[in-house]
Protein backbone atom coordinates (compact mmCIF):
# COMPACT_ATOMS: atom_id res chain seq x y z
CA MET A 1 19.78 15.20 -11.05
CA THR A 2 18.71 17.28 -14.32
CA SER A 3 15.62 19.87 -14.22
CA GLU A 4 13.72 17.81 -16.33
CA HIS A 5 14.26 14.69 -13.64
CA ILE A 6 13.17 17.64 -11.30
CA ARG A 7 10.19 18.74 -13.10
CA LYS A 8 8.85 15.06 -13.49
CA PHE A 9 9.26 14.37 -10.20
CA ASN A 10 7.05 17.38 -9.18
CA GLN A 11 4.18 16.15 -11.52
CA ILE A 12 3.92 12.74 -10.03
CA PRO A 13 1.29 12.17 -7.41
CA LEU A 14 2.02 11.07 -3.77
CA SER A 15 0.16 9.03 -1.90
CA VAL A 16 -0.49 7.18 1.78
CA LEU A 17 -0.12 3.64 2.47
CA ASP A 18 -1.47 3.16 5.94
CA LEU A 19 -1.63 -0.23 7.81
CA ALA A 20 -3.62 0.85 11.18
CA PRO A 21 -0.92 -0.04 13.15
CA ILE A 22 -1.35 -0.66 16.75
CA LYS A 23 1.07 0.41 19.00
CA GLU A 24 2.10 -1.26 22.29
CA GLY A 25 0.05 -0.09 24.35
CA SER A 26 -2.78 0.96 22.71
CA ASN A 27 -5.70 -0.46 20.42
CA PRO A 28 -7.57 -0.95 17.33
CA GLY A 29 -10.32 2.14 18.39
CA GLU A 30 -6.90 3.96 19.35
CA SER A 31 -5.35 2.99 16.12
CA PHE A 32 -8.49 3.92 13.68
CA LYS A 33 -8.52 7.51 15.48
CA GLU A 34 -5.21 8.20 14.33
CA SER A 35 -5.68 7.05 11.09
CA VAL A 36 -8.85 8.98 10.55
CA ALA A 37 -6.30 11.85 11.57
CA LEU A 38 -4.02 11.16 9.40
CA ALA A 39 -5.75 10.83 6.21
CA GLN A 40 -7.88 14.71 7.55
CA HIS A 41 -4.04 15.48 7.53
CA VAL A 42 -2.52 14.33 4.59
CA GLU A 43 -5.66 15.34 2.68
CA LYS A 44 -4.80 18.78 3.60
CA LEU A 45 -1.59 18.64 2.89
CA GLY A 46 -2.67 17.22 -1.08
CA PHE A 47 -1.84 13.75 -0.81
CA ASN A 48 -3.77 12.20 -4.00
CA ARG A 49 -4.71 8.31 -2.55
CA TYR A 50 -4.92 6.72 1.20
CA TRP A 51 -4.64 3.01 0.89
CA LEU A 52 -5.85 0.48 3.64
CA ALA A 53 -4.07 -2.93 3.29
CA GLU A 54 -5.36 -6.43 4.28
CA HIS A 55 -3.58 -8.27 7.38
CA HIS A 56 -5.27 -10.78 9.71
CA ASN A 57 -3.98 -12.43 12.65
CA MET A 58 -1.17 -9.54 13.11
CA PRO A 59 -1.69 -7.93 16.42
CA GLY A 60 0.08 -4.89 15.16
CA ILE A 61 -2.46 -4.34 12.32
CA ALA A 62 -6.05 -3.23 12.64
CA SER A 63 -7.05 -3.11 8.42
CA SER A 64 -8.46 -6.25 8.38
CA ALA A 65 -12.11 -5.37 7.59
CA THR A 66 -10.32 -3.33 5.06
CA SER A 67 -13.54 -2.73 3.32
CA VAL A 68 -15.35 -1.19 6.49
CA LEU A 69 -12.31 1.06 7.35
CA ILE A 70 -12.49 2.39 3.30
CA GLY A 71 -15.67 3.26 4.40
CA HIS A 72 -14.80 4.79 7.63
CA ILE A 73 -11.72 6.84 6.15
CA ALA A 74 -13.99 8.06 3.09
CA GLU A 75 -16.77 9.04 5.40
CA ASN A 76 -14.67 11.40 7.12
CA THR A 77 -12.10 12.57 4.66
CA GLU A 78 -13.86 15.32 1.33
CA ARG A 79 -11.59 14.87 -2.03
CA MET A 80 -8.93 11.95 -1.18
CA ARG A 81 -9.49 8.68 -3.27
CA ILE A 82 -9.12 6.38 -0.92
CA GLY A 83 -8.85 2.38 -1.26
CA SER A 84 -6.98 -1.18 -1.07
CA GLY A 85 -3.57 -1.69 -1.03
CA GLY A 86 -4.88 -4.21 -1.14
CA ILE A 87 -7.67 -6.52 -0.99
CA MET A 88 -6.11 -10.24 -0.98
CA LEU A 89 -8.70 -11.93 -3.70
CA PRO A 90 -8.01 -15.57 -2.71
CA ASN A 91 -9.48 -14.91 0.73
CA HIS A 92 -13.01 -13.73 -0.21
CA ALA A 93 -15.45 -14.92 -2.88
CA THR A 94 -15.66 -11.92 -5.89
CA LEU A 95 -19.23 -10.95 -5.81
CA VAL A 96 -18.79 -10.30 -1.75
CA ILE A 97 -15.91 -7.79 -2.92
CA ALA A 98 -17.54 -6.82 -6.09
CA GLU A 99 -21.08 -6.17 -3.81
CA GLN A 100 -18.58 -4.24 -1.55
CA PHE A 101 -16.76 -1.67 -3.56
CA GLY A 102 -20.02 -1.28 -5.33
CA THR A 103 -21.58 -0.56 -2.37
CA LEU A 104 -17.96 2.38 -1.47
CA GLU A 105 -18.13 3.74 -5.35
CA SER A 106 -22.00 4.54 -4.57
CA LEU A 107 -21.27 6.59 -1.15
CA PHE A 108 -18.62 7.91 -2.24
CA PRO A 109 -18.78 8.17 -6.47
CA GLY A 110 -15.39 8.75 -7.91
CA ARG A 111 -13.77 8.59 -4.86
CA ILE A 112 -13.07 4.37 -4.82
CA ASP A 113 -9.90 3.00 -5.61
CA LEU A 114 -9.77 -1.65 -5.48
CA GLY A 115 -6.04 -2.78 -5.49
CA LEU A 116 -6.17 -6.34 -5.79
CA GLY A 117 -3.25 -8.50 -4.18
CA ARG A 118 -3.29 -12.40 -5.02
CA ALA A 119 -1.06 -13.56 -1.07
CA PRO A 120 -3.33 -14.53 1.56
CA GLY A 121 -1.91 -11.94 3.88
CA SER A 122 -2.07 -14.27 7.01
CA ASP A 123 -0.59 -18.02 7.30
CA GLN A 124 -2.40 -21.25 6.16
CA ALA A 125 -4.57 -21.38 9.15
CA THR A 126 -5.93 -18.34 8.57
CA ALA A 127 -6.10 -18.63 5.46
CA TYR A 128 -8.65 -21.67 6.17
CA ALA A 129 -10.75 -19.56 8.93
CA LEU A 130 -11.02 -16.90 6.28
CA ARG A 131 -12.36 -19.18 3.46
CA ARG A 132 -13.20 -22.66 5.00
CA THR A 133 -11.25 -24.28 2.45
CA LEU A 134 -7.83 -23.75 1.06
CA ASN A 135 -8.87 -25.18 -2.61
CA THR A 136 -8.51 -21.94 -3.62
CA GLY A 137 -5.46 -19.90 -3.98
CA PRO A 138 -3.55 -17.97 -5.55
CA GLU A 139 -3.32 -19.55 -8.58
CA ASP A 140 -6.54 -18.67 -9.52
CA PHE A 141 -6.48 -14.79 -9.18
CA PRO A 142 -6.53 -14.25 -13.08
CA MET A 143 -9.76 -16.28 -12.52
CA GLN A 144 -11.13 -14.00 -10.10
CA VAL A 145 -9.89 -10.60 -11.45
CA ASN A 146 -11.78 -11.96 -14.99
CA GLU A 147 -14.50 -12.46 -12.28
CA LEU A 148 -14.38 -9.42 -10.89
CA GLN A 149 -13.69 -7.14 -13.97
CA ASP A 150 -17.09 -9.02 -15.21
CA TYR A 151 -19.38 -8.11 -12.33
CA PHE A 152 -18.60 -4.26 -12.65
CA ALA A 153 -19.08 -4.34 -16.36
CA ASP A 154 -22.84 -2.70 -17.89
CA GLU A 155 -23.14 -6.25 -19.35
CA PRO A 156 -22.12 -9.11 -17.35
CA VAL A 157 -22.04 -12.66 -18.74
CA SER A 158 -22.54 -13.94 -15.12
CA ARG A 159 -26.50 -14.91 -14.55
CA VAL A 160 -25.70 -13.28 -10.84
CA LYS A 161 -25.04 -9.52 -10.59
CA ALA A 162 -23.46 -7.75 -8.06
CA VAL A 163 -25.74 -5.17 -6.72
CA PRO A 164 -24.50 -2.50 -6.43
CA GLY A 165 -20.85 -2.94 -8.61
CA GLN A 166 -22.59 -3.83 -11.97
CA GLY A 167 -21.84 -0.57 -14.40
CA LEU A 168 -19.82 1.31 -11.94
CA ASP A 169 -16.50 3.01 -13.03
CA ILE A 170 -13.77 1.74 -9.80
CA PRO A 171 -9.91 1.51 -11.35
CA ILE A 172 -8.43 -1.59 -10.17
CA TRP A 173 -4.62 -1.85 -9.77
CA LEU A 174 -2.90 -5.25 -9.15
CA LEU A 175 -0.16 -4.90 -6.50
CA GLY A 176 2.67 -7.51 -6.66
CA SER A 177 6.01 -8.39 -4.93
CA SER A 178 6.85 -10.23 -7.85
CA ASP A 179 6.69 -10.31 -11.79
CA PHE A 180 3.13 -12.37 -11.37
CA SER A 181 0.82 -9.49 -11.07
CA ALA A 182 2.98 -7.53 -13.39
CA ARG A 183 2.79 -9.86 -16.00
CA LEU A 184 -0.89 -9.92 -15.27
CA ALA A 185 -1.50 -6.56 -15.00
CA ALA A 186 0.30 -6.23 -18.50
CA GLN A 187 -1.81 -8.66 -19.99
CA LYS A 188 -5.07 -7.09 -19.01
CA GLY A 189 -4.34 -3.59 -18.91
CA LEU A 190 -4.47 -2.66 -15.96
CA TYR A 191 -2.54 -0.37 -13.19
CA PHE A 192 0.01 -2.14 -11.44
CA SER A 193 1.56 -0.54 -8.24
CA PHE A 194 4.82 -2.88 -6.64
CA ALA A 195 5.50 -3.37 -2.97
CA SER A 196 9.52 -2.21 -3.52
CA HIS A 197 9.08 -0.60 -0.05
CA PHE A 198 9.71 -4.62 0.78
CA ALA A 199 10.80 -6.34 -2.08
CA PRO A 200 13.32 -3.97 -3.58
CA GLN A 201 15.39 -6.09 -4.94
CA TYR A 202 12.74 -6.85 -7.37
CA THR A 203 11.03 -3.67 -8.25
CA ILE A 204 12.93 -2.95 -11.50
CA PRO A 205 12.60 -6.43 -13.13
CA ALA A 206 8.92 -6.39 -11.82
CA LEU A 207 8.33 -2.18 -13.59
CA GLN A 208 10.44 -3.35 -17.06
CA LEU A 209 8.46 -6.65 -17.65
CA TYR A 210 4.78 -5.10 -17.08
CA ARG A 211 6.18 -1.99 -19.07
CA LYS A 212 7.26 -4.62 -22.23
CA HIS A 213 4.33 -6.61 -22.01
CA PHE A 214 1.41 -3.92 -21.53
CA GLN A 215 -1.32 -4.35 -23.85
CA PRO A 216 -3.80 -0.88 -24.13
CA SER A 217 -7.63 -1.98 -23.10
CA ASP A 218 -10.36 -0.43 -22.29
CA THR A 219 -9.60 0.96 -19.04
CA LEU A 220 -6.04 2.25 -19.86
CA LYS A 221 -3.86 3.16 -23.14
CA LYS A 222 -0.52 3.24 -21.69
CA PRO A 223 0.79 1.70 -18.73
CA HIS A 224 0.74 3.35 -15.35
CA ALA A 225 2.90 2.21 -12.42
CA MET A 226 3.18 2.89 -8.74
CA VAL A 227 5.63 2.16 -6.56
CA GLY A 228 5.75 1.65 -2.83
CA VAL A 229 8.53 3.84 -0.06
CA ASN A 230 9.56 3.98 3.88
CA VAL A 231 9.76 6.92 4.38
CA ILE A 232 10.54 8.41 7.85
CA ALA A 233 11.49 11.95 7.85
CA ALA A 234 11.84 14.60 10.37
CA ASP A 235 13.28 17.95 11.23
CA THR A 236 17.14 16.64 12.54
CA GLU A 237 18.86 13.23 11.03
CA GLU A 238 19.36 11.75 14.53
CA GLU A 239 15.19 12.23 15.08
CA ALA A 240 14.06 10.94 12.05
CA ARG A 241 17.19 7.34 12.55
CA TYR A 242 15.03 7.75 16.10
CA HIS A 243 12.05 7.53 14.75
CA ALA A 244 12.73 4.70 12.12
CA SER A 245 13.90 2.37 14.93
CA SER A 246 10.43 1.52 15.33
CA LEU A 247 9.70 0.17 11.64
CA GLN A 248 13.53 -1.74 12.08
CA MET A 249 11.96 -3.50 14.97
CA SER A 250 8.61 -4.39 13.10
CA PHE A 251 11.26 -6.13 10.36
CA LEU A 252 13.74 -8.02 12.41
CA ASN A 253 10.28 -9.76 14.49
CA ILE A 254 8.87 -10.57 11.42
CA ARG A 255 12.29 -12.08 10.46
CA LYS A 256 12.51 -14.26 14.12
CA GLY A 257 8.89 -15.05 13.37
CA LYS A 258 7.58 -12.88 16.43
CA ASN A 259 3.49 -11.11 15.67
CA THR A 260 4.10 -7.99 17.99
CA LYS A 261 2.43 -4.54 18.22
CA LEU A 262 4.21 -1.67 17.06
CA GLN A 263 7.09 -1.42 19.13
CA PRO A 264 8.68 2.41 20.95
CA PRO A 265 11.70 3.62 19.07
CA VAL A 266 15.06 3.05 20.90
CA GLU A 267 18.02 4.80 20.90
CA ASN A 268 20.50 1.92 20.13
CA MET A 269 19.56 -0.62 17.54
CA ASP A 270 22.11 -2.34 18.25
CA ASP A 271 21.06 -3.06 21.74
CA VAL A 272 18.16 -4.95 19.87
CA TRP A 273 19.43 -6.48 17.08
CA SER A 274 22.87 -9.04 16.27
CA PRO A 275 24.53 -8.66 13.12
CA MET A 276 23.46 -11.17 11.07
CA GLU A 277 19.82 -9.92 12.23
CA LYS A 278 20.89 -6.24 11.27
CA ALA A 279 22.22 -7.30 7.53
CA ALA A 280 18.81 -9.30 7.14
CA VAL A 281 16.54 -6.87 7.88
CA GLN A 282 18.18 -3.73 5.85
CA GLU A 283 18.10 -6.13 2.66
CA SER A 284 14.13 -5.65 3.19
CA LEU A 285 14.69 -2.03 4.07
CA ASP A 286 16.91 -1.08 1.35
CA PRO A 287 18.01 3.01 1.55
CA ARG A 288 16.23 3.22 -2.11
CA THR A 289 13.25 2.29 -0.90
CA THR A 290 13.43 3.25 2.65
CA ILE A 291 14.50 6.69 3.30
CA ILE A 292 15.18 8.33 6.61
CA GLY A 293 16.27 11.83 7.34
CA THR A 294 15.35 15.42 6.57
CA LYS A 295 13.40 16.79 3.74
CA GLU A 296 16.98 17.36 2.07
CA THR A 297 17.13 13.51 2.53
CA VAL A 298 14.08 12.64 1.47
CA ARG A 299 13.83 15.04 -1.20
CA GLU A 300 17.26 13.42 -3.05
CA GLY A 301 15.67 9.77 -1.81
CA LEU A 302 12.61 10.25 -3.58
CA LEU A 303 13.56 11.55 -6.43
CA ASN A 304 16.40 9.38 -7.19
CA PHE A 305 13.77 6.57 -6.71
CA GLN A 306 11.57 8.17 -9.33
CA LYS A 307 14.31 8.72 -11.32
CA GLU A 308 15.11 4.80 -11.38
CA THR A 309 11.94 3.77 -11.89
CA GLU A 310 10.42 6.09 -14.29
CA ALA A 311 7.05 5.30 -11.71
CA ASP A 312 3.48 7.56 -12.43
CA GLU A 313 3.04 7.85 -8.31
CA MET A 314 4.60 7.46 -5.50
CA ILE A 315 2.96 5.76 -2.10
CA ILE A 316 4.43 6.54 1.07
CA THR A 317 3.93 4.50 4.29
CA SER A 318 5.73 5.37 7.68
CA GLN A 319 5.46 2.87 10.62
CA ILE A 320 6.19 5.57 13.11
CA TYR A 321 5.54 4.95 16.63
CA ASP A 322 4.49 8.76 18.14
CA MET A 323 1.67 9.97 16.66
CA LYS A 324 2.64 13.72 16.47
CA ALA A 325 6.18 12.77 14.56
CA ARG A 326 4.11 10.58 12.04
CA LEU A 327 2.00 13.60 11.28
CA ARG A 328 5.34 16.07 10.97
CA SER A 329 6.90 13.31 8.78
CA TYR A 330 4.13 13.55 6.43
CA GLU A 331 4.41 17.29 6.58
CA ILE A 332 8.06 17.25 5.77
CA ILE A 333 6.63 14.98 2.83
CA GLY A 334 4.11 17.20 1.60
CA GLU A 335 5.99 20.13 1.38
CA LEU A 336 8.08 17.91 -1.54
CA MET A 337 4.80 18.81 -3.39
CA GLU A 338 4.56 22.52 -3.08
C-alpha cells in the first residue's frame, strides 16, 4: 500500500448505516433509544452521515417509518448529516416524500440527505398493503425521481407544489445493488451509493458503469460514489468473530426465508449452519466488504477496498447484538479517521 493510497483513504468521509435492529428479547422502543445513543456517539467520533434504511414486515428492523426516525435522530444530534439509506420510492406517493423531506430540511437546514431505492424493501403482500395497488413498481422509478426533482425545483413544472419542499436544496442519492441505479445516477448526474455490503460481486461493474457514463448536472459536476461495508471491530480477533456471528445468523435466516430479530452471538457458527449454508452466506459476506477483526485488520480491509473501488465515501454498518460492543466497534473505526 503506497503512501498516496493511505493519504486518499485518510481524506474520505466515513458514515454509518443503521438498520435500527430489534434484538431478540427487546422491542422497537429500545431499538430507537440505542439508535439515538449510537448517533450521538459516532457524531462525537467525527462520522459524516447517519443513514436509516426502510424495511417493512421484518421483526428485526425498526426503521419502517424512516422519515419519522430521521427526524428523531436529527433532533438528538447537532452537526452530522442525517438521511435515508434509503427510501424505497415505489412504496410512496412522490409528493408525500417531497413534503416529508421538505419538512425535515426545514427543521434541520443543511443536514438532510435523501437516498432513494427502487426495490420494495418487502414482499409483494407487504408492498400491496403499503400501496393498495401493485400498478406502480421498480420500472416507474426513473419517472418518480423526475417528479421528486421537480417538486424540489425553484419553479416546478407540476401544478401541485410541495410545501414545504419547493426550492429546497436536498441532496438526492440513488442507491443500488445492481447496474440499474448506477446507469440512472450517471444519466441524471446524481450521487450514487452501492450496497456492496450485501452485493459485493456487482460493486466494481456498477461503479465503472456509473463513472463511465456520468453526465454533469447542476447538482453534481463529477461522479461521487459511496460504498457500503460491514465492519465488526473489537479489541481481539476472537471477540470480533464472536460478535460477527449475529450478522452471519441474520444472513443465514434470510437464506432460509425466516424473519427473525437480531440474534445473540454464538461461540461456534459451525454448530448453527451446514457447510452448504456456510458457503452461501460467505458468498454474500465477502471478506472484502465484511471486515471482521481488530483495528489493524479493519484498517487494512478498508484501505484495500477503497483502493479497489476508488470510493469517495464509505458507509459502515455493524449488526452487533451487544450495545457496548457496537459502540466500541465504531470507536475503533473512528480511530482510523484520526
